Amino acid sequence: MKRWLIPISVMTLLAFSLSCSKKKSTEPEPNPPPQMKTISLNLCSPTQAPTDTIQAQEAKNWISTMNGIITSFSAMAQAYSGMAGAGTYSDGHWRWTYTDGQATFTVTVTKTSDGYDWEWKVTGILGEETVDDWKAAEGHCNNDGTEGWVKIYEVNTTTVELSWKWEVSADSKSGHWWVYEGDMTSESLSWEAHWSTDSNGLLTCWMNSVDGEWKVLVACPQDGSGEFYLNYEGDYPTIESAELKVTWTEDGVHGQWWEPYPEGENGTW
């Protein structure tokens, strides 16, 4: 599951580098770059839980991962905006080029009828590989960035190594991520994450691997309390069983855990 961190980290780095470059000029751009929305949504978490409560810390770590997945959309959106705005514009295309080590990277963003296409090409030496105008990644998103997809290719090949797509509501209160070990086919789907917010502000996020190795769920009211389930059975709010259940109030100042739930060992803090 950690592999998703690699491409998202790349996009975050690009977003940071390119957004810094944009600050060199204060003159208005005749062809302004696409401006994508970002997600400020954050999951609840037992942040105040004592560090010696292993079960609470496990819940906290999983929630941190889930929160990172949701808000990583922001890094992607910023990368789109940054890549488009930091380079030159010509006939509907924004381009930006930079050199890192022995490789030169060129990012191109193109306006389409329904949004933006982008691709990232590399010429030079990457590790032990020599590449020439190799397409390292490509993607597409709609005009406001709420839907899109990305493909990352194996070095110096046209083989997709990792890909993902997303759908996010206009208010960011619900959304979906799908991550694939390869191209975007049902056979290569690796894991997925979903979140939704009801009319009372209850945020529910669930994430699972397709192979069934792990399955987690977090439910977060607006009062600082929360519930966490690991490898659970049933549908929230009726969870029948779980390898671990953790609940808390006051952002984790007080809490309770069951391992497994409901008839296993349990404790409070």
Protein backbone atom coordinates (compact mmCIF):
# COMPACT_ATOMS: atom_id res chain seq x y z
CA MET A 1 0.00 0.00 0.00
CA LYS A 2 2.91 2.37 0.56
CA ARG A 3 3.58 2.58 -3.18
CA TRP A 4 0.97 5.30 -3.61
CA LEU A 5 3.22 7.62 -1.62
CA ILE A 6 5.83 7.66 -4.37
CA PRO A 7 3.85 9.24 -7.23
CA ILE A 8 1.95 11.56 -4.91
CA SER A 9 5.24 12.71 -3.40
CA VAL A 10 6.47 13.46 -6.91
CA MET A 11 3.41 15.55 -7.61
CA THR A 12 3.76 17.37 -4.31
CA LEU A 13 7.38 18.19 -5.10
CA LEU A 14 6.40 19.49 -8.52
CA ALA A 15 3.62 21.56 -7.02
CA PHE A 16 5.99 23.13 -4.50
CA SER A 17 8.78 23.77 -7.00
CA LEU A 18 6.53 25.23 -9.63
CA SER A 19 4.47 27.33 -7.28
CA CYS A 20 7.71 28.90 -6.05
CA SER A 21 8.68 29.65 -9.65
CA LYS A 22 5.41 31.48 -10.20
CA LYS A 23 6.35 34.08 -7.61
CA LYS A 24 9.16 35.47 -9.79
CA SER A 25 6.76 37.70 -11.71
CA THR A 26 3.81 39.74 -10.51
CA GLU A 27 2.61 40.65 -14.00
CA PRO A 28 -0.79 39.22 -14.94
CA GLU A 29 -0.65 36.29 -17.32
CA PRO A 30 -2.42 36.75 -20.67
CA ASN A 31 -3.38 33.06 -20.61
CA PRO A 32 -3.87 32.17 -16.96
CA PRO A 33 -3.24 28.55 -15.97
CA PRO A 34 -6.05 26.26 -14.81
CA GLN A 35 -6.96 26.79 -11.18
CA MET A 36 -7.94 23.58 -9.42
CA LYS A 37 -9.86 23.31 -6.18
CA THR A 38 -8.20 21.70 -3.18
CA ILE A 39 -9.61 19.63 -0.36
CA SER A 40 -9.40 20.98 3.17
CA LEU A 41 -11.37 18.08 4.62
CA ASN A 42 -9.70 16.33 7.56
CA LEU A 43 -10.65 13.15 9.34
CA CYS A 44 -11.10 13.11 13.07
CA SER A 45 -8.44 11.34 15.10
CA PRO A 46 -7.71 10.47 18.75
CA THR A 47 -4.88 13.01 18.71
CA GLN A 48 -4.86 13.37 22.50
CA ALA A 49 -4.74 9.62 23.21
CA PRO A 50 -1.90 8.48 25.50
CA THR A 51 1.06 7.01 23.62
CA ASP A 52 1.16 3.92 25.84
CA THR A 53 -2.26 2.77 24.61
CA ILE A 54 -1.25 0.60 21.67
CA GLN A 55 -4.75 0.16 20.31
CA ALA A 56 -5.40 3.91 20.23
CA GLN A 57 -2.12 4.54 18.49
CA GLU A 58 -2.89 1.89 15.86
CA ALA A 59 -6.21 3.62 15.15
CA LYS A 60 -4.44 6.98 15.02
CA ASN A 61 -1.87 5.69 12.52
CA TRP A 62 -4.51 4.21 10.22
CA ILE A 63 -6.54 7.42 10.36
CA SER A 64 -3.45 9.45 9.50
CA THR A 65 -2.99 7.29 6.40
CA MET A 66 -6.62 7.70 5.39
CA ASN A 67 -6.45 11.44 5.91
CA GLY A 68 -3.34 11.58 3.76
CA ILE A 69 -5.11 9.74 0.95
CA ILE A 70 -8.04 12.15 0.96
CA THR A 71 -6.00 15.33 1.16
CA SER A 72 -3.41 14.08 -1.33
CA PHE A 73 -5.97 15.16 -3.91
CA SER A 74 -4.98 18.69 -2.91
CA ALA A 75 -1.36 18.00 -3.84
CA MET A 76 -2.48 16.68 -7.20
CA ALA A 77 -4.68 19.69 -7.85
CA GLN A 78 -1.88 22.05 -6.87
CA ALA A 79 0.49 20.16 -9.16
CA TYR A 80 -1.84 20.64 -12.10
CA SER A 81 -2.13 24.33 -11.37
CA GLY A 82 1.58 24.74 -10.66
CA MET A 83 2.74 22.86 -13.73
CA ALA A 84 0.48 24.89 -15.96
CA GLY A 85 1.41 28.23 -14.47
CA ALA A 86 5.16 28.03 -14.17
CA GLY A 87 6.12 27.68 -17.81
CA THR A 88 5.47 29.19 -21.20
CA TYR A 89 2.13 29.32 -22.97
CA SER A 90 1.57 28.74 -26.69
CA ASP A 91 -1.57 27.84 -28.62
CA GLY A 92 -3.44 26.19 -25.75
CA HIS A 93 -0.39 24.50 -24.18
CA TRP A 94 1.52 25.37 -21.03
CA ARG A 95 5.06 23.96 -20.82
CA TRP A 96 7.64 23.93 -18.08
CA THR A 97 11.16 22.44 -18.22
CA TYR A 98 13.66 21.82 -15.45
CA THR A 99 16.86 19.81 -14.97
CA ASP A 100 17.54 17.56 -12.02
CA GLY A 101 20.89 15.75 -11.95
CA GLN A 102 21.50 14.31 -15.41
CA ALA A 103 17.89 14.39 -16.55
CA THR A 104 15.73 17.11 -18.10
CA PHE A 105 12.00 17.05 -17.38
CA THR A 106 9.32 18.67 -19.54
CA VAL A 107 5.74 18.99 -18.34
CA THR A 108 3.01 19.92 -20.81
CA VAL A 109 -0.56 20.83 -19.88
CA THR A 110 -3.17 21.16 -22.62
CA LYS A 111 -6.67 22.60 -22.44
CA THR A 112 -9.34 20.23 -23.75
CA SER A 113 -13.07 20.55 -24.24
CA ASP A 114 -13.82 19.02 -20.84
CA GLY A 115 -10.75 19.90 -18.77
CA TYR A 116 -6.97 19.45 -19.01
CA ASP A 117 -4.53 16.81 -20.27
CA TRP A 118 -0.97 16.71 -19.03
CA GLU A 119 2.13 14.63 -19.64
CA TRP A 120 5.58 14.51 -18.13
CA LYS A 121 8.55 13.58 -20.37
CA VAL A 122 12.17 12.94 -19.45
CA THR A 123 15.45 12.99 -21.40
CA GLY A 124 18.78 12.03 -19.84
CA ILE A 125 19.91 9.56 -17.19
CA LEU A 126 17.58 8.27 -14.48
CA GLY A 127 19.48 6.03 -12.10
CA GLU A 128 21.13 3.49 -14.40
CA GLU A 129 18.72 4.08 -17.30
CA THR A 130 19.27 6.43 -20.24
CA VAL A 131 16.00 7.81 -21.60
CA ASP A 132 15.18 10.00 -24.59
CA ASP A 133 11.91 11.95 -24.57
CA TRP A 134 10.38 9.16 -22.46
CA LYS A 135 6.84 9.74 -21.20
CA ALA A 136 7.06 9.11 -17.46
CA ALA A 137 3.48 10.05 -16.59
CA GLU A 138 0.26 11.38 -18.01
CA GLY A 139 -3.15 12.35 -16.72
CA HIS A 140 -6.43 14.15 -17.22
CA CYS A 141 -8.85 16.05 -15.03
CA ASN A 142 -12.08 17.94 -15.59
CA ASN A 143 -12.27 21.73 -15.39
CA ASP A 144 -12.58 21.97 -11.60
CA GLY A 145 -10.36 18.99 -10.81
CA THR A 146 -13.11 16.98 -9.13
CA GLU A 147 -12.60 14.03 -11.52
CA GLY A 148 -9.45 12.73 -13.10
CA TRP A 149 -6.88 10.02 -13.57
CA VAL A 150 -3.10 9.56 -13.59
CA LYS A 151 -0.78 6.91 -15.05
CA ILE A 152 2.84 6.38 -14.00
CA TYR A 153 5.03 4.33 -16.37
CA GLU A 154 7.88 1.94 -15.69
CA VAL A 155 11.24 3.55 -16.51
CA ASN A 156 11.94 3.75 -20.24
CA THR A 157 8.85 1.71 -21.17
CA THR A 158 5.23 2.25 -22.12
CA THR A 159 4.12 -0.19 -19.42
CA VAL A 160 1.90 1.34 -16.74
CA GLU A 161 3.39 0.68 -13.31
CA LEU A 162 0.82 2.46 -11.18
CA SER A 163 -2.35 4.42 -11.86
CA TRP A 164 -5.21 5.98 -9.97
CA LYS A 165 -8.40 7.90 -10.53
CA TRP A 166 -10.66 10.00 -8.35
CA GLU A 167 -14.12 11.51 -8.10
CA VAL A 168 -14.80 14.24 -5.55
CA SER A 169 -17.98 16.21 -4.89
CA ALA A 170 -17.92 19.95 -5.51
CA ASP A 171 -18.05 20.64 -1.75
CA SER A 172 -15.39 17.96 -1.00
CA LYS A 173 -17.75 16.27 1.47
CA SER A 174 -17.71 12.99 -0.42
CA GLY A 175 -15.29 11.32 -2.76
CA HIS A 176 -13.63 8.18 -4.04
CA TRP A 177 -10.08 7.05 -4.83
CA TRP A 178 -9.16 3.94 -6.80
CA VAL A 179 -5.52 2.82 -7.01
CA TYR A 180 -4.26 0.21 -9.48
CA GLU A 181 -1.08 -1.86 -9.65
CA GLY A 182 -0.77 -1.24 -13.37
CA ASP A 183 -3.27 0.18 -15.82
CA MET A 184 -6.82 1.05 -14.78
CA THR A 185 -8.51 -2.33 -15.19
CA SER A 186 -10.66 -4.27 -12.74
CA GLU A 187 -8.01 -7.00 -12.60
CA SER A 188 -5.29 -4.61 -11.41
CA LEU A 189 -7.33 -2.67 -8.83
CA SER A 190 -5.26 -2.74 -5.65
CA TRP A 191 -7.18 -0.70 -3.10
CA GLU A 192 -9.82 1.97 -2.82
CA ALA A 193 -10.95 4.66 -0.41
CA HIS A 194 -14.30 6.43 -0.05
CA TRP A 195 -15.67 9.13 2.20
CA SER A 196 -19.05 10.78 2.73
CA THR A 197 -20.61 13.34 5.05
CA ASP A 198 -24.27 13.15 6.07
CA SER A 199 -26.66 16.04 6.79
CA ASN A 200 -25.62 16.05 10.46
CA GLY A 201 -21.94 16.45 9.61
CA LEU A 202 -21.00 12.83 10.38
CA LEU A 203 -17.97 11.96 8.25
CA THR A 204 -17.50 8.29 7.39
CA CYS A 205 -14.41 7.06 5.59
CA TRP A 206 -13.71 3.48 4.61
CA MET A 207 -10.68 2.03 2.87
CA ASN A 208 -9.90 -1.52 1.82
CA SER A 209 -7.47 -3.60 -0.18
CA VAL A 210 -9.00 -5.68 -2.96
CA ASP A 211 -7.16 -8.81 -1.83
CA GLY A 212 -8.92 -8.62 1.54
CA GLU A 213 -5.73 -8.18 3.53
CA TRP A 214 -7.06 -5.10 5.32
CA LYS A 215 -10.27 -3.13 5.65
CA VAL A 216 -10.70 -0.06 7.84
CA LEU A 217 -13.49 2.37 8.69
CA VAL A 218 -13.63 5.62 10.63
CA ALA A 219 -16.79 7.48 11.68
CA CYS A 220 -16.37 11.06 12.88
CA PRO A 221 -19.07 13.30 14.33
CA GLN A 222 -18.31 17.00 14.68
CA ASP A 223 -17.87 16.90 18.47
CA GLY A 224 -14.34 15.43 18.60
CA SER A 225 -15.48 11.86 19.21
CA GLY A 226 -14.99 8.98 16.83
CA GLU A 227 -15.02 5.26 16.06
CA PHE A 228 -12.43 3.11 14.31
CA TYR A 229 -12.77 -0.46 13.01
CA LEU A 230 -10.11 -2.74 11.56
CA ASN A 231 -11.07 -5.73 9.38
CA TYR A 232 -14.72 -5.44 10.25
CA GLU A 233 -17.87 -7.29 9.19
CA GLY A 234 -21.16 -5.54 8.55
CA ASP A 235 -22.12 -2.07 7.39
CA TYR A 236 -21.81 1.06 9.50
CA PRO A 237 -23.46 1.84 11.86
CA THR A 238 -24.25 -1.85 12.37
CA ILE A 239 -20.79 -3.40 12.64
CA GLU A 240 -21.10 -7.04 13.66
CA SER A 241 -17.46 -7.78 14.46
CA ALA A 242 -13.93 -6.45 13.98
CA GLU A 243 -10.34 -7.40 14.74
CA LEU A 244 -10.07 -4.08 16.56
CA LYS A 245 -12.57 -1.41 17.58
CA VAL A 246 -11.53 1.88 19.16
CA THR A 247 -13.85 4.68 20.28
CA TRP A 248 -12.96 8.03 21.84
CA THR A 249 -14.30 11.37 23.02
CA GLU A 250 -12.68 14.81 23.33
CA ASP A 251 -10.21 14.13 20.51
CA GLY A 252 -8.94 11.06 22.33
CA VAL A 253 -8.66 12.34 25.90
CA HIS A 254 -10.91 9.43 26.88
CA GLY A 255 -11.45 6.24 24.97
CA GLN A 256 -12.19 2.53 24.88
CA TRP A 257 -10.98 -0.40 22.79
CA TRP A 258 -11.92 -4.02 22.04
CA GLU A 259 -9.53 -6.54 20.45
CA PRO A 260 -11.29 -8.35 18.86
CA TYR A 261 -14.75 -6.81 18.96
CA PRO A 262 -17.18 -7.54 20.58
CA GLU A 263 -16.07 -10.38 22.84
CA GLY A 264 -12.30 -10.02 23.02
CA GLU A 265 -10.01 -8.20 25.42
CA ASN A 266 -11.03 -4.62 26.12
CA GLY A 267 -9.80 -1.60 28.02
CA THR A 268 -10.17 2.13 28.56
CA TRP A 269 -7.97 5.18 28.93
